[in-house]
Amino acid sequence: MASQIADIIGSVGWFYGVLIIVYVLMSWFPVRGMLYDVYRVLGSVCDPYLNIFRRFIPPIGQLDISPIVAFIVLQVLVNYLLVPLVRTL
């Protein structure tokens, strides 16, 4: 049972990481039409987590590196802390 829960946590962490990557990539290009709706939804899902890091990491010129740090922290938390912790329960 714990192994299945750990697998679900790992999958959700991976999926959220993919959403962050897609959101960041979409921010590099002009988005119009139906893609704008997707971009807004992704923003409402990803921005609360990304804003935590944006408070502490200022942009370097026009480059915002906070999503990179947020992605790395997410992956470390999920893959090296949460999943192994749940597997030991």
PDB file of N, CA and C in Angstrom:
ATOM      1  N   MET A   1       0.824  -1.204   0.000  1.00  0.00           N
ATOM      2  CA  MET A   1       0.000   0.000   0.000  1.00  0.00           C
ATOM      3  C   MET A   1       0.860   1.257   0.000  1.00  0.00           C
ATOM      4  N   ALA A   2       1.896   1.278   0.846  1.00  0.00           N
ATOM      5  CA  ALA A   2       2.770   2.457   0.905  1.00  0.00           C
ATOM      6  C   ALA A   2       3.501   2.654  -0.409  1.00  0.00           C
ATOM      7  N   SER A   3       3.850   1.549  -1.065  1.00  0.00           N
ATOM      8  CA  SER A   3       4.542   1.645  -2.344  1.00  0.00           C
ATOM      9  C   SER A   3       3.643   2.278  -3.407  1.00  0.00           C
ATOM     10  N   GLN A   4       2.375   1.935  -3.399  1.00  0.00           N
ATOM     11  CA  GLN A   4       1.428   2.521  -4.358  1.00  0.00           C
ATOM     12  C   GLN A   4       1.231   4.008  -4.096  1.00  0.00           C
ATOM     13  N   ILE A   5       1.146   4.401  -2.844  1.00  0.00           N
ATOM     14  CA  ILE A   5       1.005   5.817  -2.501  1.00  0.00           C
ATOM     15  C   ILE A   5       2.260   6.577  -2.911  1.00  0.00           C
ATOM     16  N   ALA A   6       3.424   5.971  -2.690  1.00  0.00           N
ATOM     17  CA  ALA A   6       4.679   6.607  -3.103  1.00  0.00           C
ATOM     18  C   ALA A   6       4.726   6.773  -4.614  1.00  0.00           C
ATOM     19  N   ASP A   7       4.246   5.777  -5.357  1.00  0.00           N
ATOM     20  CA  ASP A   7       4.207   5.886  -6.816  1.00  0.00           C
ATOM     21  C   ASP A   7       3.282   7.010  -7.266  1.00  0.00           C
ATOM     22  N   ILE A   8       2.153   7.163  -6.598  1.00  0.00           N
ATOM     23  CA  ILE A   8       1.214   8.240  -6.934  1.00  0.00           C
ATOM     24  C   ILE A   8       1.846   9.599  -6.640  1.00  0.00           C
ATOM     25  N   ILE A   9       2.497   9.728  -5.494  1.00  0.00           N
ATOM     26  CA  ILE A   9       3.164  10.984  -5.150  1.00  0.00           C
ATOM     27  C   ILE A   9       4.241  11.308  -6.181  1.00  0.00           C
ATOM     28  N   GLY A  10       5.017  10.307  -6.584  1.00  0.00           N
ATOM     29  CA  GLY A  10       6.041  10.512  -7.599  1.00  0.00           C
ATOM     30  C   GLY A  10       5.449  10.941  -8.930  1.00  0.00           C
ATOM     31  N   SER A  11       4.336  10.328  -9.321  1.00  0.00           N
ATOM     32  CA  SER A  11       3.679  10.687 -10.586  1.00  0.00           C
ATOM     33  C   SER A  11       3.106  12.098 -10.552  1.00  0.00           C
ATOM     34  N   VAL A  12       2.503  12.463  -9.432  1.00  0.00           N
ATOM     35  CA  VAL A  12       1.945  13.817  -9.302  1.00  0.00           C
ATOM     36  C   VAL A  12       3.067  14.851  -9.328  1.00  0.00           C
ATOM     37  N   GLY A  13       4.175  14.557  -8.650  1.00  0.00           N
ATOM     38  CA  GLY A  13       5.322  15.470  -8.680  1.00  0.00           C
ATOM     39  C   GLY A  13       5.891  15.622 -10.071  1.00  0.00           C
ATOM     40  N   TRP A  14       5.989  14.505 -10.797  1.00  0.00           N
ATOM     41  CA  TRP A  14       6.484  14.553 -12.172  1.00  0.00           C
ATOM     42  C   TRP A  14       5.528  15.362 -13.051  1.00  0.00           C
ATOM     43  N   PHE A  15       4.226  15.119 -12.925  1.00  0.00           N
ATOM     44  CA  PHE A  15       3.232  15.828 -13.737  1.00  0.00           C
ATOM     45  C   PHE A  15       3.255  17.329 -13.454  1.00  0.00           C
ATOM     46  N   TYR A  16       3.371  17.703 -12.176  1.00  0.00           N
ATOM     47  CA  TYR A  16       3.426  19.121 -11.830  1.00  0.00           C
ATOM     48  C   TYR A  16       4.694  19.761 -12.398  1.00  0.00           C
ATOM     49  N   GLY A  17       5.795  19.021 -12.392  1.00  0.00           N
ATOM     50  CA  GLY A  17       7.022  19.520 -13.014  1.00  0.00           C
ATOM     51  C   GLY A  17       6.840  19.764 -14.502  1.00  0.00           C
ATOM     52  N   VAL A  18       6.136  18.860 -15.171  1.00  0.00           N
ATOM     53  CA  VAL A  18       5.856  19.035 -16.599  1.00  0.00           C
ATOM     54  C   VAL A  18       4.986  20.270 -16.818  1.00  0.00           C
ATOM     55  N   LEU A  19       3.992  20.480 -15.956  1.00  0.00           N
ATOM     56  CA  LEU A  19       3.143  21.671 -16.077  1.00  0.00           C
ATOM     57  C   LEU A  19       3.968  22.944 -15.935  1.00  0.00           C
ATOM     58  N   ILE A  20       4.917  22.958 -15.017  1.00  0.00           N
ATOM     59  CA  ILE A  20       5.779  24.130 -14.845  1.00  0.00           C
ATOM     60  C   ILE A  20       6.599  24.370 -16.102  1.00  0.00           C
ATOM     61  N   ILE A  21       7.171  23.321 -16.672  1.00  0.00           N
ATOM     62  CA  ILE A  21       7.976  23.470 -17.889  1.00  0.00           C
ATOM     63  C   ILE A  21       7.126  23.999 -19.033  1.00  0.00           C
ATOM     64  N   VAL A  22       5.932  23.439 -19.221  1.00  0.00           N
ATOM     65  CA  VAL A  22       5.050  23.899 -20.298  1.00  0.00           C
ATOM     66  C   VAL A  22       4.662  25.360 -20.085  1.00  0.00           C
ATOM     67  N   TYR A  23       4.358  25.730 -18.851  1.00  0.00           N
ATOM     68  CA  TYR A  23       3.979  27.110 -18.540  1.00  0.00           C
ATOM     69  C   TYR A  23       5.123  28.078 -18.849  1.00  0.00           C
ATOM     70  N   VAL A  24       6.321  27.706 -18.466  1.00  0.00           N
ATOM     71  CA  VAL A  24       7.478  28.572 -18.724  1.00  0.00           C
ATOM     72  C   VAL A  24       7.733  28.682 -20.222  1.00  0.00           C
ATOM     73  N   LEU A  25       7.668  27.578 -20.941  1.00  0.00           N
ATOM     74  CA  LEU A  25       7.883  27.620 -22.389  1.00  0.00           C
ATOM     75  C   LEU A  25       6.815  28.458 -23.090  1.00  0.00           C
ATOM     76  N   MET A  26       5.577  28.351 -22.627  1.00  0.00           N
ATOM     77  CA  MET A  26       4.508  29.153 -23.234  1.00  0.00           C
ATOM     78  C   MET A  26       4.705  30.636 -22.959  1.00  0.00           C
ATOM     79  N   SER A  27       5.367  30.977 -21.868  1.00  0.00           N
ATOM     80  CA  SER A  27       5.571  32.391 -21.548  1.00  0.00           C
ATOM     81  C   SER A  27       6.602  33.044 -22.476  1.00  0.00           C
ATOM     82  N   TRP A  28       7.363  32.256 -23.188  1.00  0.00           N
ATOM     83  CA  TRP A  28       8.370  32.804 -24.096  1.00  0.00           C
ATOM     84  C   TRP A  28       7.789  33.258 -25.423  1.00  0.00           C
ATOM     85  N   PHE A  29       6.592  32.823 -25.749  1.00  0.00           N
ATOM     86  CA  PHE A  29       6.000  33.097 -27.057  1.00  0.00           C
ATOM     87  C   PHE A  29       4.665  33.806 -26.886  1.00  0.00           C
ATOM     88  N   PRO A  30       4.281  34.591 -27.888  1.00  0.00           N
ATOM     89  CA  PRO A  30       2.946  35.214 -27.809  1.00  0.00           C
ATOM     90  C   PRO A  30       1.861  34.136 -27.893  1.00  0.00           C
ATOM     91  N   VAL A  31       0.916  34.208 -26.976  1.00  0.00           N
ATOM     92  CA  VAL A  31      -0.137  33.203 -26.910  1.00  0.00           C
ATOM     93  C   VAL A  31      -1.462  33.892 -27.187  1.00  0.00           C
ATOM     94  N   ARG A  32      -2.210  33.330 -28.124  1.00  0.00           N
ATOM     95  CA  ARG A  32      -3.511  33.909 -28.490  1.00  0.00           C
ATOM     96  C   ARG A  32      -4.549  32.810 -28.608  1.00  0.00           C
ATOM     97  N   GLY A  33      -5.791  33.227 -28.619  1.00  0.00           N
ATOM     98  CA  GLY A  33      -6.883  32.292 -28.844  1.00  0.00           C
ATOM     99  C   GLY A  33      -7.051  31.288 -27.721  1.00  0.00           C
ATOM    100  N   MET A  34      -7.297  30.044 -28.131  1.00  0.00           N
ATOM    101  CA  MET A  34      -7.551  28.992 -27.149  1.00  0.00           C
ATOM    102  C   MET A  34      -6.297  28.683 -26.331  1.00  0.00           C
ATOM    103  N   LEU A  35      -5.131  28.858 -26.890  1.00  0.00           N
ATOM    104  CA  LEU A  35      -3.902  28.631 -26.137  1.00  0.00           C
ATOM    105  C   LEU A  35      -3.762  29.609 -24.982  1.00  0.00           C
ATOM    106  N   TYR A  36      -4.331  30.798 -25.137  1.00  0.00           N
ATOM    107  CA  TYR A  36      -4.290  31.758 -24.043  1.00  0.00           C
ATOM    108  C   TYR A  36      -5.063  31.227 -22.831  1.00  0.00           C
ATOM    109  N   ASP A  37      -6.183  30.554 -23.085  1.00  0.00           N
ATOM    110  CA  ASP A  37      -6.945  29.954 -21.987  1.00  0.00           C
ATOM    111  C   ASP A  37      -6.127  28.875 -21.284  1.00  0.00           C
ATOM    112  N   VAL A  38      -5.411  28.075 -22.054  1.00  0.00           N
ATOM    113  CA  VAL A  38      -4.542  27.049 -21.467  1.00  0.00           C
ATOM    114  C   VAL A  38      -3.452  27.717 -20.643  1.00  0.00           C
ATOM    115  N   TYR A  39      -2.878  28.784 -21.178  1.00  0.00           N
ATOM    116  CA  TYR A  39      -1.819  29.514 -20.478  1.00  0.00           C
ATOM    117  C   TYR A  39      -2.331  30.090 -19.154  1.00  0.00           C
ATOM    118  N   ARG A  40      -3.534  30.634 -19.163  1.00  0.00           N
ATOM    119  CA  ARG A  40      -4.123  31.178 -17.931  1.00  0.00           C
ATOM    120  C   ARG A  40      -4.364  30.093 -16.901  1.00  0.00           C
ATOM    121  N   VAL A  41      -4.868  28.947 -17.321  1.00  0.00           N
ATOM    122  CA  VAL A  41      -5.101  27.839 -16.396  1.00  0.00           C
ATOM    123  C   VAL A  41      -3.775  27.355 -15.809  1.00  0.00           C
ATOM    124  N   LEU A  42      -2.773  27.208 -16.672  1.00  0.00           N
ATOM    125  CA  LEU A  42      -1.456  26.811 -16.181  1.00  0.00           C
ATOM    126  C   LEU A  42      -0.908  27.842 -15.198  1.00  0.00           C
ATOM    127  N   GLY A  43      -1.142  29.109 -15.487  1.00  0.00           N
ATOM    128  CA  GLY A  43      -0.700  30.164 -14.579  1.00  0.00           C
ATOM    129  C   GLY A  43      -1.380  30.072 -13.228  1.00  0.00           C
ATOM    130  N   SER A  44      -2.659  29.772 -13.231  1.00  0.00           N
ATOM    131  CA  SER A  44      -3.369  29.671 -11.957  1.00  0.00           C
ATOM    132  C   SER A  44      -2.922  28.444 -11.163  1.00  0.00           C
ATOM    133  N   VAL A  45      -2.403  27.431 -11.842  1.00  0.00           N
ATOM    134  CA  VAL A  45      -1.924  26.231 -11.162  1.00  0.00           C
ATOM    135  C   VAL A  45      -0.466  26.389 -10.729  1.00  0.00           C
ATOM    136  N   CYS A  46       0.355  26.989 -11.574  1.00  0.00           N
ATOM    137  CA  CYS A  46       1.806  27.046 -11.326  1.00  0.00           C
ATOM    138  C   CYS A  46       2.259  28.297 -10.573  1.00  0.00           C
ATOM    139  N   ASP A  47       1.615  29.423 -10.787  1.00  0.00           N
ATOM    140  CA  ASP A  47       2.082  30.676 -10.184  1.00  0.00           C
ATOM    141  C   ASP A  47       2.121  30.672  -8.651  1.00  0.00           C
ATOM    142  N   PRO A  48       1.151  30.074  -7.952  1.00  0.00           N
ATOM    143  CA  PRO A  48       1.283  30.082  -6.486  1.00  0.00           C
ATOM    144  C   PRO A  48       2.578  29.434  -6.000  1.00  0.00           C
ATOM    145  N   TYR A  49       2.979  28.339  -6.618  1.00  0.00           N
ATOM    146  CA  TYR A  49       4.235  27.684  -6.239  1.00  0.00           C
ATOM    147  C   TYR A  49       5.441  28.497  -6.713  1.00  0.00           C
ATOM    148  N   LEU A  50       5.387  28.998  -7.939  1.00  0.00           N
ATOM    149  CA  LEU A  50       6.515  29.768  -8.474  1.00  0.00           C
ATOM    150  C   LEU A  50       6.708  31.085  -7.736  1.00  0.00           C
ATOM    151  N   ASN A  51       5.632  31.689  -7.257  1.00  0.00           N
ATOM    152  CA  ASN A  51       5.738  32.972  -6.549  1.00  0.00           C
ATOM    153  C   ASN A  51       6.516  32.849  -5.243  1.00  0.00           C
ATOM    154  N   ILE A  52       6.509  31.663  -4.651  1.00  0.00           N
ATOM    155  CA  ILE A  52       7.327  31.442  -3.449  1.00  0.00           C
ATOM    156  C   ILE A  52       8.785  31.718  -3.763  1.00  0.00           C
ATOM    157  N   PHE A  53       9.249  31.254  -4.894  1.00  0.00           N
ATOM    158  CA  PHE A  53      10.648  31.412  -5.284  1.00  0.00           C
ATOM    159  C   PHE A  53      10.919  32.793  -5.873  1.00  0.00           C
ATOM    160  N   ARG A  54       9.930  33.371  -6.516  1.00  0.00           N
ATOM    161  CA  ARG A  54      10.113  34.719  -7.089  1.00  0.00           C
ATOM    162  C   ARG A  54      10.310  35.773  -6.006  1.00  0.00           C
ATOM    163  N   ARG A  55       9.807  35.512  -4.803  1.00  0.00           N
ATOM    164  CA  ARG A  55      10.014  36.444  -3.697  1.00  0.00           C
ATOM    165  C   ARG A  55      11.474  36.515  -3.283  1.00  0.00           C
ATOM    166  N   PHE A  56      12.191  35.406  -3.423  1.00  0.00           N
ATOM    167  CA  PHE A  56      13.573  35.336  -2.947  1.00  0.00           C
ATOM    168  C   PHE A  56      14.617  35.432  -4.046  1.00  0.00           C
ATOM    169  N   ILE A  57      14.240  35.116  -5.283  1.00  0.00           N
ATOM    170  CA  ILE A  57      15.203  35.102  -6.391  1.00  0.00           C
ATOM    171  C   ILE A  57      14.798  36.178  -7.396  1.00  0.00           C
ATOM    172  N   PRO A  58      15.535  37.284  -7.422  1.00  0.00           N
ATOM    173  CA  PRO A  58      15.183  38.340  -8.377  1.00  0.00           C
ATOM    174  C   PRO A  58      15.592  37.940  -9.795  1.00  0.00           C
ATOM    175  N   PRO A  59      14.909  38.487 -10.790  1.00  0.00           N
ATOM    176  CA  PRO A  59      15.300  38.203 -12.170  1.00  0.00           C
ATOM    177  C   PRO A  59      16.688  38.770 -12.475  1.00  0.00           C
ATOM    178  N   ILE A  60      17.387  38.099 -13.347  1.00  0.00           N
ATOM    179  CA  ILE A  60      18.691  38.580 -13.808  1.00  0.00           C
ATOM    180  C   ILE A  60      18.445  39.214 -15.170  1.00  0.00           C
ATOM    181  N   GLY A  61      18.337  40.527 -15.198  1.00  0.00           N
ATOM    182  CA  GLY A  61      17.961  41.211 -16.434  1.00  0.00           C
ATOM    183  C   GLY A  61      16.546  40.820 -16.810  1.00  0.00           C
ATOM    184  N   GLN A  62      16.386  40.252 -17.988  1.00  0.00           N
ATOM    185  CA  GLN A  62      15.078  39.778 -18.445  1.00  0.00           C
ATOM    186  C   GLN A  62      14.868  38.296 -18.144  1.00  0.00           C
ATOM    187  N   LEU A  63      15.851  37.648 -17.534  1.00  0.00           N
ATOM    188  CA  LEU A  63      15.794  36.216 -17.294  1.00  0.00           C
ATOM    189  C   LEU A  63      15.335  35.912 -15.870  1.00  0.00           C
ATOM    190  N   ASP A  64      14.231  35.204 -15.766  1.00  0.00           N
ATOM    191  CA  ASP A  64      13.700  34.783 -14.469  1.00  0.00           C
ATOM    192  C   ASP A  64      14.128  33.339 -14.240  1.00  0.00           C
ATOM    193  N   ILE A  65      15.071  33.138 -13.318  1.00  0.00           N
ATOM    194  CA  ILE A  65      15.568  31.791 -13.068  1.00  0.00           C
ATOM    195  C   ILE A  65      14.813  31.078 -11.949  1.00  0.00           C
ATOM    196  N   SER A  66      13.853  31.750 -11.354  1.00  0.00           N
ATOM    197  CA  SER A  66      13.112  31.125 -10.256  1.00  0.00           C
ATOM    198  C   SER A  66      12.373  29.851 -10.675  1.00  0.00           C
ATOM    199  N   PRO A  67      11.837  29.727 -11.910  1.00  0.00           N
ATOM    200  CA  PRO A  67      11.212  28.450 -12.277  1.00  0.00           C
ATOM    201  C   PRO A  67      12.207  27.287 -12.316  1.00  0.00           C
ATOM    202  N   ILE A  68      13.456  27.569 -12.654  1.00  0.00           N
ATOM    203  CA  ILE A  68      14.461  26.512 -12.672  1.00  0.00           C
ATOM    204  C   ILE A  68      14.699  26.010 -11.254  1.00  0.00           C
ATOM    205  N   VAL A  69      14.866  26.946 -10.327  1.00  0.00           N
ATOM    206  CA  VAL A  69      15.085  26.581  -8.928  1.00  0.00           C
ATOM    207  C   VAL A  69      13.844  25.881  -8.374  1.00  0.00           C
ATOM    208  N   ALA A  70      12.663  26.386  -8.710  1.00  0.00           N
ATOM    209  CA  ALA A  70      11.420  25.780  -8.225  1.00  0.00           C
ATOM    210  C   ALA A  70      11.284  24.346  -8.737  1.00  0.00           C
ATOM    211  N   PHE A  71      11.625  24.115  -9.995  1.00  0.00           N
ATOM    212  CA  PHE A  71      11.554  22.776 -10.570  1.00  0.00           C
ATOM    213  C   PHE A  71      12.522  21.827  -9.861  1.00  0.00           C
ATOM    214  N   ILE A  72      13.747  22.288  -9.639  1.00  0.00           N
ATOM    215  CA  ILE A  72      14.751  21.448  -8.972  1.00  0.00           C
ATOM    216  C   ILE A  72      14.316  21.127  -7.545  1.00  0.00           C
ATOM    217  N   VAL A  73      13.822  22.129  -6.817  1.00  0.00           N
ATOM    218  CA  VAL A  73      13.363  21.906  -5.445  1.00  0.00           C
ATOM    219  C   VAL A  73      12.199  20.915  -5.429  1.00  0.00           C
ATOM    220  N   LEU A  74      11.276  21.060  -6.357  1.00  0.00           N
ATOM    221  CA  LEU A  74      10.136  20.138  -6.433  1.00  0.00           C
ATOM    222  C   LEU A  74      10.621  18.704  -6.648  1.00  0.00           C
ATOM    223  N   GLN A  75      11.520  18.518  -7.596  1.00  0.00           N
ATOM    224  CA  GLN A  75      12.002  17.177  -7.889  1.00  0.00           C
ATOM    225  C   GLN A  75      12.775  16.578  -6.708  1.00  0.00           C
ATOM    226  N   VAL A  76      13.581  17.390  -6.044  1.00  0.00           N
ATOM    227  CA  VAL A  76      14.322  16.898  -4.879  1.00  0.00           C
ATOM    228  C   VAL A  76      13.362  16.523  -3.758  1.00  0.00           C
ATOM    229  N   LEU A  77      12.385  17.386  -3.488  1.00  0.00           N
ATOM    230  CA  LEU A  77      11.423  17.095  -2.425  1.00  0.00           C
ATOM    231  C   LEU A  77      10.648  15.815  -2.700  1.00  0.00           C
ATOM    232  N   VAL A  78      10.192  15.670  -3.930  1.00  0.00           N
ATOM    233  CA  VAL A  78       9.372  14.508  -4.253  1.00  0.00           C
ATOM    234  C   VAL A  78      10.217  13.237  -4.302  1.00  0.00           C
ATOM    235  N   ASN A  79      11.309  13.282  -5.073  1.00  0.00           N
ATOM    236  CA  ASN A  79      12.061  12.050  -5.344  1.00  0.00           C
ATOM    237  C   ASN A  79      13.008  11.620  -4.231  1.00  0.00           C
ATOM    238  N   TYR A  80      13.480  12.566  -3.435  1.00  0.00           N
ATOM    239  CA  TYR A  80      14.468  12.210  -2.421  1.00  0.00           C
ATOM    240  C   TYR A  80      13.968  12.353  -0.985  1.00  0.00           C
ATOM    241  N   LEU A  81      12.812  12.971  -0.802  1.00  0.00           N
ATOM    242  CA  LEU A  81      12.276  13.099   0.553  1.00  0.00           C
ATOM    243  C   LEU A  81      10.920  12.409   0.697  1.00  0.00           C
ATOM    244  N   LEU A  82       9.931  12.844  -0.078  1.00  0.00           N
ATOM    245  CA  LEU A  82       8.568  12.320   0.100  1.00  0.00           C
ATOM    246  C   LEU A  82       8.427  10.850  -0.274  1.00  0.00           C
ATOM    247  N   VAL A  83       8.872  10.505  -1.473  1.00  0.00           N
ATOM    248  CA  VAL A  83       8.696   9.130  -1.937  1.00  0.00           C
ATOM    249  C   VAL A  83       9.438   8.136  -1.040  1.00  0.00           C
ATOM    250  N   PRO A  84      10.735   8.374  -0.725  1.00  0.00           N
ATOM    251  CA  PRO A  84      11.390   7.419   0.187  1.00  0.00           C
ATOM    252  C   PRO A  84      10.758   7.391   1.587  1.00  0.00           C
ATOM    253  N   LEU A  85      10.286   8.533   2.060  1.00  0.00           N
ATOM    254  CA  LEU A  85       9.641   8.558   3.374  1.00  0.00           C
ATOM    255  C   LEU A  85       8.381   7.722   3.384  1.00  0.00           C
ATOM    256  N   VAL A  86       7.554   7.867   2.336  1.00  0.00           N
ATOM    257  CA  VAL A  86       6.307   7.109   2.274  1.00  0.00           C
ATOM    258  C   VAL A  86       6.604   5.619   2.097  1.00  0.00           C
ATOM    259  N   ARG A  87       7.623   5.279   1.332  1.00  0.00           N
ATOM    260  CA  ARG A  87       7.954   3.860   1.123  1.00  0.00           C
ATOM    261  C   ARG A  87       8.386   3.177   2.432  1.00  0.00           C
ATOM    262  N   THR A  88       8.956   3.944   3.371  1.00  0.00           N
ATOM    263  CA  THR A  88       9.394   3.338   4.631  1.00  0.00           C
ATOM    264  C   THR A  88       8.249   3.143   5.624  1.00  0.00           C
ATOM    265  N   LEU A  89       7.114   3.759   5.366  1.00  0.00           N
ATOM    266  CA  LEU A  89       5.979   3.634   6.301  1.00  0.00           C
ATOM    267  C   LEU A  89       5.306   2.284   6.184  1.00  0.00           C
TER     268      LEU A  89
END
